Amino acid sequence: MDSVETWEFGRAVRRWRDRLAPEAVGVPAGGRRRASGLRREELAALAGISADYLTRLEQGRATAPSTQVVESLARALRLTGAERDLLYRLAGHAPPGPDVVPSRITPSVQRLLDRLSHTPVVVYDATWTLLLANAPYHALMGDTTTWRGLERNAVWRNVTRLPSRVVHTPQEQADHEARLVADLRLTASRYPADRALRRLIAELTAGSPRFAELWDAEAPPSLADPSRRKTIDHPAVGPITLDCDTLLVASDDLRISVYTAEPGTEDAERLALATVLGTQSLRL
């Protein structure tokens, strides 16, 4: 990025931050504010970057933000498609085309997520890379905001057996891994020109014998019924058995997993308590 682009990138982010009302993104608007828009630290938290880095971006002291950072800022700022493409260009990147796995959460999907703000929800792209998790999800499953790189990919987390609060039998875990890898194979067939996807598959193959075994299987299983029950071993309230429904947004190739409990049950009470306790701890 040259000096003009660097300055324009920061100015654009600041301008869009100033126009975004806190209530529109679920941020409490209490307290004295100099302007009606988001504070710098609020946008940074929504985008999953540090406030210091956002400050340097806005002031033109940080250059060449990654495509992941640009996409996170575009999502947090609720930009239109044209504005998102402009932000990519100002960052020195070509806007993602149809041959790249989509990672954009469109305004219509965001409105859906806003209406589920009190329900644990997590959003993945077609590579099963985490795009967004709301506060109730963090309260239920643990904080994901510090995850970076492969840590954000559900295929990697499962085939390498990274710690999880979800309770699986060995057979359930094996079946879950096979379903994820099978879905990733389908994604690879739809986006053969996506270089980031090819790098992800290479990293998974090199880093996990289990992934390599499943990837090379002659007849990998298709993704089964995405609606299933899961038991979460919560450290504060104990086991919670929930319905996990994964909604597929075909036009944007997103996977939205929603966790709910039948009203009036002990699981519903435990979920409510876990949400309150977790949300309070995240605010501290």
C-alpha atoms as a PDB file:
ATOM      1  CA  MET A   1       0.000   0.000   0.000  1.00  0.00           C
ATOM      2  CA  ASP A   2       1.347   3.444  -0.830  1.00  0.00           C
ATOM      3  CA  SER A   3       0.870   6.425   1.506  1.00  0.00           C
ATOM      4  CA  VAL A   4      -2.327   7.570  -0.200  1.00  0.00           C
ATOM      5  CA  GLU A   5      -3.976   4.147   0.034  1.00  0.00           C
ATOM      6  CA  THR A   6      -2.813   3.715   3.648  1.00  0.00           C
ATOM      7  CA  TRP A   7      -4.350   7.050   4.594  1.00  0.00           C
ATOM      8  CA  GLU A   8      -7.557   6.384   2.661  1.00  0.00           C
ATOM      9  CA  PHE A   9      -7.984   2.930   4.220  1.00  0.00           C
ATOM     10  CA  GLY A  10      -7.825   4.386   7.723  1.00  0.00           C
ATOM     11  CA  ARG A  11     -10.109   7.287   6.831  1.00  0.00           C
ATOM     12  CA  ALA A  12     -12.682   4.912   5.350  1.00  0.00           C
ATOM     13  CA  VAL A  13     -12.682   2.695   8.451  1.00  0.00           C
ATOM     14  CA  ARG A  14     -13.031   5.729  10.719  1.00  0.00           C
ATOM     15  CA  ARG A  15     -15.857   7.175   8.616  1.00  0.00           C
ATOM     16  CA  TRP A  16     -17.823   3.914   8.631  1.00  0.00           C
ATOM     17  CA  ARG A  17     -17.164   3.448  12.353  1.00  0.00           C
ATOM     18  CA  ASP A  18     -18.572   6.883  13.100  1.00  0.00           C
ATOM     19  CA  ARG A  19     -21.801   6.194  11.232  1.00  0.00           C
ATOM     20  CA  LEU A  20     -22.520   2.817  12.903  1.00  0.00           C
ATOM     21  CA  ALA A  21     -24.884   3.134  15.865  1.00  0.00           C
ATOM     22  CA  PRO A  22     -23.906   0.948  18.837  1.00  0.00           C
ATOM     23  CA  GLU A  23     -27.441  -0.430  19.141  1.00  0.00           C
ATOM     24  CA  ALA A  24     -27.232  -1.728  15.568  1.00  0.00           C
ATOM     25  CA  VAL A  25     -24.502  -4.193  16.555  1.00  0.00           C
ATOM     26  CA  GLY A  26     -25.717  -5.037  20.061  1.00  0.00           C
ATOM     27  CA  VAL A  27     -23.322  -2.720  21.910  1.00  0.00           C
ATOM     28  CA  PRO A  28     -24.840  -0.879  24.912  1.00  0.00           C
ATOM     29  CA  ALA A  29     -25.028   2.820  24.151  1.00  0.00           C
ATOM     30  CA  GLY A  30     -24.832   3.941  27.766  1.00  0.00           C
ATOM     31  CA  GLY A  31     -22.343   6.481  29.063  1.00  0.00           C
ATOM     32  CA  ARG A  32     -21.152   9.742  27.567  1.00  0.00           C
ATOM     33  CA  ARG A  33     -20.086   9.598  23.920  1.00  0.00           C
ATOM     34  CA  ARG A  34     -18.414  12.211  21.789  1.00  0.00           C
ATOM     35  CA  ALA A  35     -20.175  10.860  18.711  1.00  0.00           C
ATOM     36  CA  SER A  36     -23.065   8.532  17.918  1.00  0.00           C
ATOM     37  CA  GLY A  37     -20.872   5.871  16.316  1.00  0.00           C
ATOM     38  CA  LEU A  38     -18.814   3.020  17.702  1.00  0.00           C
ATOM     39  CA  ARG A  39     -15.812   3.604  19.907  1.00  0.00           C
ATOM     40  CA  ARG A  40     -12.523   2.303  18.585  1.00  0.00           C
ATOM     41  CA  GLU A  41     -12.282  -0.446  21.215  1.00  0.00           C
ATOM     42  CA  GLU A  42     -15.851  -1.555  20.444  1.00  0.00           C
ATOM     43  CA  LEU A  43     -15.137  -2.017  16.744  1.00  0.00           C
ATOM     44  CA  ALA A  44     -11.865  -3.794  17.552  1.00  0.00           C
ATOM     45  CA  ALA A  45     -13.702  -6.253  19.799  1.00  0.00           C
ATOM     46  CA  LEU A  46     -16.338  -6.915  17.128  1.00  0.00           C
ATOM     47  CA  ALA A  47     -13.655  -7.492  14.485  1.00  0.00           C
ATOM     48  CA  GLY A  48     -11.475  -9.660  16.732  1.00  0.00           C
ATOM     49  CA  ILE A  49      -8.396  -7.422  16.540  1.00  0.00           C
ATOM     50  CA  SER A  50      -6.619  -5.326  19.155  1.00  0.00           C
ATOM     51  CA  ALA A  51      -7.640  -1.715  19.755  1.00  0.00           C
ATOM     52  CA  ASP A  52      -3.993  -0.706  19.323  1.00  0.00           C
ATOM     53  CA  TYR A  53      -3.837  -2.302  15.873  1.00  0.00           C
ATOM     54  CA  LEU A  54      -7.100  -0.638  14.841  1.00  0.00           C
ATOM     55  CA  THR A  55      -5.718   2.710  16.023  1.00  0.00           C
ATOM     56  CA  ARG A  56      -2.607   2.239  13.884  1.00  0.00           C
ATOM     57  CA  LEU A  57      -4.746   1.227  10.895  1.00  0.00           C
ATOM     58  CA  GLU A  58      -6.964   4.291  11.218  1.00  0.00           C
ATOM     59  CA  GLN A  59      -3.966   6.586  11.609  1.00  0.00           C
ATOM     60  CA  GLY A  60      -2.128   5.039   8.640  1.00  0.00           C
ATOM     61  CA  ARG A  61       0.717   3.740  10.825  1.00  0.00           C
ATOM     62  CA  ALA A  62      -0.084   0.071  10.091  1.00  0.00           C
ATOM     63  CA  THR A  63      -0.009  -1.068   6.481  1.00  0.00           C
ATOM     64  CA  ALA A  64      -1.047  -4.097   4.454  1.00  0.00           C
ATOM     65  CA  PRO A  65      -3.801  -5.564   6.653  1.00  0.00           C
ATOM     66  CA  SER A  66      -4.498  -9.193   5.762  1.00  0.00           C
ATOM     67  CA  THR A  67      -7.606 -10.254   3.887  1.00  0.00           C
ATOM     68  CA  GLN A  68      -8.841 -11.826   7.132  1.00  0.00           C
ATOM     69  CA  VAL A  69      -8.574  -8.479   8.930  1.00  0.00           C
ATOM     70  CA  VAL A  70     -10.257  -6.641   6.053  1.00  0.00           C
ATOM     71  CA  GLU A  71     -13.120  -9.146   5.993  1.00  0.00           C
ATOM     72  CA  SER A  72     -13.518  -8.971   9.776  1.00  0.00           C
ATOM     73  CA  LEU A  73     -13.679  -5.172   9.664  1.00  0.00           C
ATOM     74  CA  ALA A  74     -16.156  -5.218   6.775  1.00  0.00           C
ATOM     75  CA  ARG A  75     -18.365  -7.646   8.701  1.00  0.00           C
ATOM     76  CA  ALA A  76     -18.149  -5.680  11.960  1.00  0.00           C
ATOM     77  CA  LEU A  77     -18.882  -2.394  10.153  1.00  0.00           C
ATOM     78  CA  ARG A  78     -21.911  -3.919   8.368  1.00  0.00           C
ATOM     79  CA  LEU A  79     -20.628  -2.720   4.997  1.00  0.00           C
ATOM     80  CA  THR A  80     -22.561  -3.125   1.773  1.00  0.00           C
ATOM     81  CA  GLY A  81     -21.093  -5.255  -1.003  1.00  0.00           C
ATOM     82  CA  ALA A  82     -19.723  -2.203  -2.838  1.00  0.00           C
ATOM     83  CA  GLU A  83     -18.210  -0.764   0.350  1.00  0.00           C
ATOM     84  CA  ARG A  84     -16.622  -4.096   1.213  1.00  0.00           C
ATOM     85  CA  ASP A  85     -15.024  -4.308  -2.239  1.00  0.00           C
ATOM     86  CA  LEU A  86     -13.702  -0.754  -1.820  1.00  0.00           C
ATOM     87  CA  LEU A  87     -12.160  -1.631   1.560  1.00  0.00           C
ATOM     88  CA  TYR A  88     -10.373  -4.597  -0.033  1.00  0.00           C
ATOM     89  CA  ARG A  89      -8.970  -2.377  -2.786  1.00  0.00           C
ATOM     90  CA  LEU A  90      -7.836   0.283  -0.311  1.00  0.00           C
ATOM     91  CA  ALA A  91      -6.019  -2.487   1.575  1.00  0.00           C
ATOM     92  CA  GLY A  92      -4.241  -3.531  -1.611  1.00  0.00           C
ATOM     93  CA  HIS A  93      -6.245  -6.721  -2.139  1.00  0.00           C
ATOM     94  CA  ALA A  94      -8.525  -7.811  -4.949  1.00  0.00           C
ATOM     95  CA  PRO A  95     -12.094  -8.308  -3.717  1.00  0.00           C
ATOM     96  CA  PRO A  96     -13.002 -12.008  -3.423  1.00  0.00           C
ATOM     97  CA  GLY A  97     -14.505 -13.378  -6.613  1.00  0.00           C
ATOM     98  CA  PRO A  98     -16.915 -16.261  -7.257  1.00  0.00           C
ATOM     99  CA  ASP A  99     -14.039 -18.761  -7.350  1.00  0.00           C
ATOM    100  CA  VAL A 100     -13.120 -18.039  -3.707  1.00  0.00           C
ATOM    101  CA  VAL A 101     -14.872 -19.542  -0.684  1.00  0.00           C
ATOM    102  CA  PRO A 102     -17.226 -16.791   0.573  1.00  0.00           C
ATOM    103  CA  SER A 103     -16.563 -15.461   4.050  1.00  0.00           C
ATOM    104  CA  ARG A 104     -18.992 -12.567   4.015  1.00  0.00           C
ATOM    105  CA  ILE A 105     -21.940 -12.425   6.395  1.00  0.00           C
ATOM    106  CA  THR A 106     -24.548 -10.532   4.404  1.00  0.00           C
ATOM    107  CA  PRO A 107     -26.863  -7.963   6.013  1.00  0.00           C
ATOM    108  CA  SER A 108     -29.823 -10.368   5.762  1.00  0.00           C
ATOM    109  CA  VAL A 109     -27.903 -13.125   7.557  1.00  0.00           C
ATOM    110  CA  GLN A 110     -26.679 -10.604  10.121  1.00  0.00           C
ATOM    111  CA  ARG A 111     -30.287  -9.583  10.831  1.00  0.00           C
ATOM    112  CA  LEU A 112     -31.084 -13.244  11.452  1.00  0.00           C
ATOM    113  CA  LEU A 113     -28.150 -13.494  13.858  1.00  0.00           C
ATOM    114  CA  ASP A 114     -29.264 -10.313  15.638  1.00  0.00           C
ATOM    115  CA  ARG A 115     -32.613 -11.955  16.373  1.00  0.00           C
ATOM    116  CA  LEU A 116     -30.758 -14.891  17.939  1.00  0.00           C
ATOM    117  CA  SER A 117     -28.615 -12.706  20.183  1.00  0.00           C
ATOM    118  CA  HIS A 118     -29.695 -14.598  23.328  1.00  0.00           C
ATOM    119  CA  THR A 119     -29.100 -18.033  21.789  1.00  0.00           C
ATOM    120  CA  PRO A 120     -25.701 -19.712  21.329  1.00  0.00           C
ATOM    121  CA  VAL A 121     -24.838 -19.337  17.634  1.00  0.00           C
ATOM    122  CA  VAL A 122     -21.640 -19.941  15.663  1.00  0.00           C
ATOM    123  CA  VAL A 123     -21.082 -19.260  11.948  1.00  0.00           C
ATOM    124  CA  TYR A 124     -18.591 -21.110   9.722  1.00  0.00           C
ATOM    125  CA  ASP A 125     -17.664 -20.692   6.086  1.00  0.00           C
ATOM    126  CA  ALA A 126     -17.616 -23.646   3.675  1.00  0.00           C
ATOM    127  CA  THR A 127     -14.136 -24.691   4.885  1.00  0.00           C
ATOM    128  CA  TRP A 128     -15.471 -24.893   8.454  1.00  0.00           C
ATOM    129  CA  THR A 129     -13.410 -21.886   9.460  1.00  0.00           C
ATOM    130  CA  LEU A 130     -15.073 -19.937  12.241  1.00  0.00           C
ATOM    131  CA  LEU A 131     -16.354 -16.538  11.124  1.00  0.00           C
ATOM    132  CA  LEU A 132     -18.458 -15.425  14.054  1.00  0.00           C
ATOM    133  CA  ALA A 133     -19.522 -16.675  17.484  1.00  0.00           C
ATOM    134  CA  ASN A 134     -21.852 -14.675  19.701  1.00  0.00           C
ATOM    135  CA  ALA A 135     -21.582 -14.074  23.456  1.00  0.00           C
ATOM    136  CA  PRO A 136     -23.950 -16.916  24.476  1.00  0.00           C
ATOM    137  CA  TYR A 137     -21.871 -19.341  22.382  1.00  0.00           C
ATOM    138  CA  HIS A 138     -18.692 -18.209  24.133  1.00  0.00           C
ATOM    139  CA  ALA A 139     -20.464 -18.608  27.463  1.00  0.00           C
ATOM    140  CA  LEU A 140     -21.479 -22.158  26.554  1.00  0.00           C
ATOM    141  CA  MET A 141     -18.394 -23.413  24.712  1.00  0.00           C
ATOM    142  CA  GLY A 142     -15.576 -21.158  25.895  1.00  0.00           C
ATOM    143  CA  ASP A 143     -13.974 -18.036  24.439  1.00  0.00           C
ATOM    144  CA  THR A 144     -12.902 -18.319  20.790  1.00  0.00           C
ATOM    145  CA  THR A 145     -11.628 -14.750  20.352  1.00  0.00           C
ATOM    146  CA  THR A 146      -7.990 -15.719  20.955  1.00  0.00           C
ATOM    147  CA  TRP A 147      -8.005 -18.468  18.305  1.00  0.00           C
ATOM    148  CA  ARG A 148      -5.784 -17.769  15.324  1.00  0.00           C
ATOM    149  CA  GLY A 149      -5.022 -19.552  12.060  1.00  0.00           C
ATOM    150  CA  LEU A 150      -5.806 -23.268  12.058  1.00  0.00           C
ATOM    151  CA  GLU A 151      -7.238 -22.991  15.568  1.00  0.00           C
ATOM    152  CA  ARG A 152     -10.322 -21.390  13.983  1.00  0.00           C
ATOM    153  CA  ASN A 153     -10.930 -24.351  11.673  1.00  0.00           C
ATOM    154  CA  ALA A 154     -13.354 -26.973  13.007  1.00  0.00           C
ATOM    155  CA  VAL A 155     -11.884 -29.742  10.835  1.00  0.00           C
ATOM    156  CA  TRP A 156      -8.433 -29.154  12.336  1.00  0.00           C
ATOM    157  CA  ARG A 157      -9.754 -28.886  15.876  1.00  0.00           C
ATOM    158  CA  ASN A 158     -11.546 -32.208  15.542  1.00  0.00           C
ATOM    159  CA  VAL A 159      -9.003 -34.337  13.679  1.00  0.00           C
ATOM    160  CA  THR A 160      -6.261 -33.200  16.070  1.00  0.00           C
ATOM    161  CA  ARG A 161      -8.582 -33.654  19.086  1.00  0.00           C
ATOM    162  CA  LEU A 162      -8.060 -30.190  20.514  1.00  0.00           C
ATOM    163  CA  PRO A 163      -9.866 -29.621  23.847  1.00  0.00           C
ATOM    164  CA  SER A 164     -13.626 -29.235  23.536  1.00  0.00           C
ATOM    165  CA  ARG A 165     -16.558 -29.106  25.928  1.00  0.00           C
ATOM    166  CA  VAL A 166     -18.621 -31.299  23.601  1.00  0.00           C
ATOM    167  CA  VAL A 167     -18.865 -34.883  24.898  1.00  0.00           C
ATOM    168  CA  HIS A 168     -18.498 -37.563  22.209  1.00  0.00           C
ATOM    169  CA  THR A 169     -18.078 -41.305  22.371  1.00  0.00           C
ATOM    170  CA  PRO A 170     -15.100 -42.531  20.294  1.00  0.00           C
ATOM    171  CA  GLN A 171     -17.473 -43.642  17.534  1.00  0.00           C
ATOM    172  CA  GLU A 172     -19.384 -40.354  17.568  1.00  0.00           C
ATOM    173  CA  GLN A 173     -16.108 -38.450  17.337  1.00  0.00           C
ATOM    174  CA  ALA A 174     -14.911 -40.579  14.421  1.00  0.00           C
ATOM    175  CA  ASP A 175     -18.205 -40.115  12.589  1.00  0.00           C
ATOM    176  CA  HIS A 176     -18.128 -36.364  13.213  1.00  0.00           C
ATOM    177  CA  GLU A 177     -14.602 -36.095  11.809  1.00  0.00           C
ATOM    178  CA  ALA A 178     -15.589 -38.093   8.729  1.00  0.00           C
ATOM    179  CA  ARG A 179     -18.596 -35.848   8.076  1.00  0.00           C
ATOM    180  CA  LEU A 180     -16.503 -32.684   8.359  1.00  0.00           C
ATOM    181  CA  VAL A 181     -13.812 -33.993   6.007  1.00  0.00           C
ATOM    182  CA  ALA A 182     -16.439 -35.202   3.527  1.00  0.00           C
ATOM    183  CA  ASP A 183     -18.022 -31.752   3.483  1.00  0.00           C
ATOM    184  CA  LEU A 184     -14.611 -30.151   2.985  1.00  0.00           C
ATOM    185  CA  ARG A 185     -14.058 -32.424  -0.036  1.00  0.00           C
ATOM    186  CA  LEU A 186     -17.289 -31.118  -1.541  1.00  0.00           C
ATOM    187  CA  THR A 187     -16.150 -27.550  -0.857  1.00  0.00           C
ATOM    188  CA  ALA A 188     -12.838 -28.229  -2.609  1.00  0.00           C
ATOM    189  CA  SER A 189     -14.718 -29.512  -5.660  1.00  0.00           C
ATOM    190  CA  ARG A 190     -16.750 -26.287  -5.827  1.00  0.00           C
ATOM    191  CA  TYR A 191     -13.775 -23.931  -5.454  1.00  0.00           C
ATOM    192  CA  PRO A 192     -10.840 -25.576  -7.264  1.00  0.00           C
ATOM    193  CA  ALA A 193      -9.145 -22.210  -7.909  1.00  0.00           C
ATOM    194  CA  ASP A 194      -9.152 -21.040  -4.274  1.00  0.00           C
ATOM    195  CA  ARG A 195      -5.473 -20.925  -3.270  1.00  0.00           C
ATOM    196  CA  ALA A 196      -6.231 -20.391   0.425  1.00  0.00           C
ATOM    197  CA  LEU A 197      -8.375 -23.534   0.397  1.00  0.00           C
ATOM    198  CA  ARG A 198      -5.575 -25.502  -1.250  1.00  0.00           C
ATOM    199  CA  ARG A 199      -3.155 -24.259   1.425  1.00  0.00           C
ATOM    200  CA  LEU A 200      -5.591 -25.292   4.153  1.00  0.00           C
ATOM    201  CA  ILE A 201      -5.891 -28.817   2.742  1.00  0.00           C
ATOM    202  CA  ALA A 202      -2.095 -29.078   2.455  1.00  0.00           C
ATOM    203  CA  GLU A 203      -1.656 -27.958   6.067  1.00  0.00           C
ATOM    204  CA  LEU A 204      -4.312 -30.382   7.287  1.00  0.00           C
ATOM    205  CA  THR A 205      -2.752 -33.252   5.347  1.00  0.00           C
ATOM    206  CA  ALA A 206       0.761 -32.513   6.587  1.00  0.00           C
ATOM    207  CA  GLY A 207      -0.284 -31.946  10.184  1.00  0.00           C
ATOM    208  CA  SER A 208      -2.822 -34.716  10.774  1.00  0.00           C
ATOM    209  CA  PRO A 209      -2.514 -38.391   9.787  1.00  0.00           C
ATOM    210  CA  ARG A 210      -6.199 -38.748  10.659  1.00  0.00           C
ATOM    211  CA  PHE A 211      -7.150 -36.057   8.145  1.00  0.00           C
ATOM    212  CA  ALA A 212      -4.923 -37.615   5.462  1.00  0.00           C
ATOM    213  CA  GLU A 213      -6.583 -40.989   6.050  1.00  0.00           C
ATOM    214  CA  LEU A 214     -10.081 -39.564   5.715  1.00  0.00           C
ATOM    215  CA  TRP A 215      -9.166 -37.349   2.740  1.00  0.00           C
ATOM    216  CA  ASP A 216      -7.810 -40.325   0.800  1.00  0.00           C
ATOM    217  CA  ALA A 217     -10.748 -42.607   1.621  1.00  0.00           C
ATOM    218  CA  GLU A 218     -12.297 -44.038  -1.550  1.00  0.00           C
ATOM    219  CA  ALA A 219     -15.890 -43.409  -0.526  1.00  0.00           C
ATOM    220  CA  PRO A 220     -16.072 -40.710   2.172  1.00  0.00           C
ATOM    221  CA  PRO A 221     -19.502 -40.451   3.820  1.00  0.00           C
ATOM    222  CA  SER A 222     -21.765 -37.607   2.832  1.00  0.00           C
ATOM    223  CA  LEU A 223     -22.726 -35.011   5.429  1.00  0.00           C
ATOM    224  CA  ALA A 224     -25.546 -36.533   7.412  1.00  0.00           C
ATOM    225  CA  ASP A 225     -28.618 -34.833   8.815  1.00  0.00           C
ATOM    226  CA  PRO A 226     -27.178 -31.592  10.285  1.00  0.00           C
ATOM    227  CA  SER A 227     -29.689 -31.633  13.172  1.00  0.00           C
ATOM    228  CA  ARG A 228     -28.430 -33.559  16.173  1.00  0.00           C
ATOM    229  CA  ARG A 229     -28.240 -33.496  19.945  1.00  0.00           C
ATOM    230  CA  LYS A 230     -25.027 -32.634  21.744  1.00  0.00           C
ATOM    231  CA  THR A 231     -23.974 -32.831  25.357  1.00  0.00           C
ATOM    232  CA  ILE A 232     -21.734 -30.025  26.567  1.00  0.00           C
ATOM    233  CA  ASP A 233     -19.728 -30.501  29.770  1.00  0.00           C
ATOM    234  CA  HIS A 234     -19.872 -26.975  31.171  1.00  0.00           C
ATOM    235  CA  PRO A 235     -17.315 -26.285  33.924  1.00  0.00           C
ATOM    236  CA  ALA A 236     -19.719 -24.244  36.057  1.00  0.00           C
ATOM    237  CA  VAL A 237     -23.141 -25.879  35.616  1.00  0.00           C
ATOM    238  CA  GLY A 238     -22.336 -29.441  34.567  1.00  0.00           C
ATOM    239  CA  PRO A 239     -23.578 -31.401  31.535  1.00  0.00           C
ATOM    240  CA  ILE A 240     -26.132 -29.741  29.243  1.00  0.00           C
ATOM    241  CA  THR A 241     -27.810 -31.712  26.455  1.00  0.00           C
ATOM    242  CA  LEU A 242     -28.974 -29.464  23.642  1.00  0.00           C
ATOM    243  CA  ASP A 243     -30.362 -29.610  20.135  1.00  0.00           C
ATOM    244  CA  CYS A 244     -27.730 -28.433  17.660  1.00  0.00           C
ATOM    245  CA  ASP A 245     -29.253 -27.422  14.325  1.00  0.00           C
ATOM    246  CA  THR A 246     -26.853 -26.478  11.536  1.00  0.00           C
ATOM    247  CA  LEU A 247     -28.514 -24.214   8.990  1.00  0.00           C
ATOM    248  CA  LEU A 248     -26.982 -24.092   5.507  1.00  0.00           C
ATOM    249  CA  VAL A 249     -27.161 -20.709   3.756  1.00  0.00           C
ATOM    250  CA  ALA A 250     -26.844 -21.915   0.190  1.00  0.00           C
ATOM    251  CA  SER A 251     -26.384 -18.560  -1.546  1.00  0.00           C
ATOM    252  CA  ASP A 252     -23.470 -17.594   0.739  1.00  0.00           C
ATOM    253  CA  ASP A 253     -22.203 -21.131   1.476  1.00  0.00           C
ATOM    254  CA  LEU A 254     -22.324 -20.591   5.237  1.00  0.00           C
ATOM    255  CA  ARG A 255     -23.007 -23.023   8.087  1.00  0.00           C
ATOM    256  CA  ILE A 256     -24.866 -21.578  11.082  1.00  0.00           C
ATOM    257  CA  SER A 257     -25.037 -23.823  14.165  1.00  0.00           C
ATOM    258  CA  VAL A 258     -27.725 -22.941  16.715  1.00  0.00           C
ATOM    259  CA  TYR A 259     -27.915 -24.500  20.195  1.00  0.00           C
ATOM    260  CA  THR A 260     -31.294 -24.683  21.935  1.00  0.00           C
ATOM    261  CA  ALA A 261     -33.010 -26.552  24.771  1.00  0.00           C
ATOM    262  CA  GLU A 262     -36.619 -27.590  25.176  1.00  0.00           C
ATOM    263  CA  PRO A 263     -38.351 -24.946  27.343  1.00  0.00           C
ATOM    264  CA  GLY A 264     -39.077 -25.919  30.915  1.00  0.00           C
ATOM    265  CA  THR A 265     -36.407 -28.614  31.114  1.00  0.00           C
ATOM    266  CA  GLU A 266     -33.413 -28.846  33.395  1.00  0.00           C
ATOM    267  CA  ASP A 267     -31.191 -28.441  30.343  1.00  0.00           C
ATOM    268  CA  ALA A 268     -32.912 -25.145  29.528  1.00  0.00           C
ATOM    269  CA  GLU A 269     -32.286 -23.924  33.080  1.00  0.00           C
ATOM    270  CA  ARG A 270     -28.622 -24.950  32.909  1.00  0.00           C
ATOM    271  CA  LEU A 271     -28.203 -23.271  29.537  1.00  0.00           C
ATOM    272  CA  ALA A 272     -29.708 -20.044  30.889  1.00  0.00           C
ATOM    273  CA  LEU A 273     -27.412 -20.159  33.924  1.00  0.00           C
ATOM    274  CA  ALA A 274     -24.341 -20.915  31.804  1.00  0.00           C
ATOM    275  CA  THR A 275     -25.191 -17.976  29.530  1.00  0.00           C
ATOM    276  CA  VAL A 276     -25.550 -15.572  32.454  1.00  0.00           C
ATOM    277  CA  LEU A 277     -22.356 -16.739  34.158  1.00  0.00           C
ATOM    278  CA  GLY A 278     -20.339 -16.774  30.957  1.00  0.00           C
ATOM    279  CA  THR A 279     -21.573 -13.425  29.706  1.00  0.00           C
ATOM    280  CA  GLN A 280     -20.737 -11.816  33.048  1.00  0.00           C
ATOM    281  CA  SER A 281     -17.210 -13.243  33.027  1.00  0.00           C
ATOM    282  CA  LEU A 282     -16.604 -12.041  29.453  1.00  0.00           C
ATOM    283  CA  ARG A 283     -17.488  -8.505  30.515  1.00  0.00           C
ATOM    284  CA  LEU A 284     -15.009  -8.493  33.413  1.00  0.00           C
END
